[in-house]
Amino acid sequence: MEQVMKHYGNAILAIVVLLALGAIVIAALSADGYVATAFKDALTGFFTSMNALA
């Protein structure tokens, strides 16, 4: 086990970090995530303001 970790430890750590980052990105971009909500609010505000000008 020690030799496996010595040889593949950095690769395993990199995979774990990439999987964690992927999970964070997927959670942020989900339909009810904070990024999607902020983007929807920004678009709604923009088109509301453009409607007010007309």
C-alpha atoms as a PDB file:
ATOM      1  CA  MET A   1       0.000   0.000   0.000  1.00  0.00           C
ATOM      2  CA  GLU A   2       2.838   2.376   0.831  1.00  0.00           C
ATOM      3  CA  GLN A   3       4.441   1.816  -2.554  1.00  0.00           C
ATOM      4  CA  VAL A   4       1.136   2.366  -4.334  1.00  0.00           C
ATOM      5  CA  MET A   5       0.621   5.684  -2.549  1.00  0.00           C
ATOM      6  CA  LYS A   6       4.233   6.651  -3.168  1.00  0.00           C
ATOM      7  CA  HIS A   7       3.885   5.943  -6.881  1.00  0.00           C
ATOM      8  CA  TYR A   8       0.297   7.080  -7.537  1.00  0.00           C
ATOM      9  CA  GLY A   9      -0.313   9.470  -4.633  1.00  0.00           C
ATOM     10  CA  ASN A  10      -0.092  12.684  -6.663  1.00  0.00           C
ATOM     11  CA  ALA A  11      -2.333  11.308  -9.408  1.00  0.00           C
ATOM     12  CA  ILE A  12      -4.934  10.159  -6.894  1.00  0.00           C
ATOM     13  CA  LEU A  13      -4.876  13.546  -5.184  1.00  0.00           C
ATOM     14  CA  ALA A  14      -5.297  15.330  -8.520  1.00  0.00           C
ATOM     15  CA  ILE A  15      -8.291  13.162  -9.418  1.00  0.00           C
ATOM     16  CA  VAL A  16      -9.952  13.812  -6.051  1.00  0.00           C
ATOM     17  CA  VAL A  17      -9.443  17.578  -6.414  1.00  0.00           C
ATOM     18  CA  LEU A  18     -10.816  17.594  -9.983  1.00  0.00           C
ATOM     19  CA  LEU A  19     -13.864  15.594  -8.915  1.00  0.00           C
ATOM     20  CA  ALA A  20     -14.510  18.041  -6.071  1.00  0.00           C
ATOM     21  CA  LEU A  21     -14.203  21.021  -8.413  1.00  0.00           C
ATOM     22  CA  GLY A  22     -16.537  19.331 -10.883  1.00  0.00           C
ATOM     23  CA  ALA A  23     -19.132  18.795  -8.177  1.00  0.00           C
ATOM     24  CA  ILE A  24     -18.921  22.468  -7.173  1.00  0.00           C
ATOM     25  CA  VAL A  25     -19.355  23.627 -10.786  1.00  0.00           C
ATOM     26  CA  ILE A  26     -22.312  21.307 -11.350  1.00  0.00           C
ATOM     27  CA  ALA A  27     -23.967  22.506  -8.138  1.00  0.00           C
ATOM     28  CA  ALA A  28     -23.402  26.153  -9.098  1.00  0.00           C
ATOM     29  CA  LEU A  29     -24.875  25.702 -12.580  1.00  0.00           C
ATOM     30  CA  SER A  30     -27.906  23.640 -11.598  1.00  0.00           C
ATOM     31  CA  ALA A  31     -31.343  25.062 -12.350  1.00  0.00           C
ATOM     32  CA  ASP A  32     -31.839  26.360  -8.808  1.00  0.00           C
ATOM     33  CA  GLY A  33     -28.191  27.203  -8.108  1.00  0.00           C
ATOM     34  CA  TYR A  34     -26.978  30.645  -7.192  1.00  0.00           C
ATOM     35  CA  VAL A  35     -25.331  31.242 -10.592  1.00  0.00           C
ATOM     36  CA  ALA A  36     -28.504  30.377 -12.495  1.00  0.00           C
ATOM     37  CA  THR A  37     -30.604  32.548 -10.164  1.00  0.00           C
ATOM     38  CA  ALA A  38     -28.261  35.530 -10.506  1.00  0.00           C
ATOM     39  CA  PHE A  39     -28.164  35.160 -14.290  1.00  0.00           C
ATOM     40  CA  LYS A  40     -31.960  34.949 -14.478  1.00  0.00           C
ATOM     41  CA  ASP A  41     -32.330  38.025 -12.251  1.00  0.00           C
ATOM     42  CA  ALA A  42     -29.835  39.953 -14.391  1.00  0.00           C
ATOM     43  CA  LEU A  43     -31.701  39.121 -17.596  1.00  0.00           C
ATOM     44  CA  THR A  44     -35.065  39.980 -16.056  1.00  0.00           C
ATOM     45  CA  GLY A  45     -33.730  43.314 -14.795  1.00  0.00           C
ATOM     46  CA  PHE A  46     -32.195  44.157 -18.154  1.00  0.00           C
ATOM     47  CA  PHE A  47     -35.344  43.467 -20.136  1.00  0.00           C
ATOM     48  CA  THR A  48     -37.493  45.269 -17.583  1.00  0.00           C
ATOM     49  CA  SER A  49     -35.289  48.335 -17.930  1.00  0.00           C
ATOM     50  CA  MET A  50     -35.389  48.130 -21.732  1.00  0.00           C
ATOM     51  CA  ASN A  51     -39.191  47.852 -21.617  1.00  0.00           C
ATOM     52  CA  ALA A  52     -39.386  50.974 -19.455  1.00  0.00           C
ATOM     53  CA  LEU A  53     -37.498  52.964 -22.103  1.00  0.00           C
ATOM     54  CA  ALA A  54     -40.021  52.106 -24.809  1.00  0.00           C
END
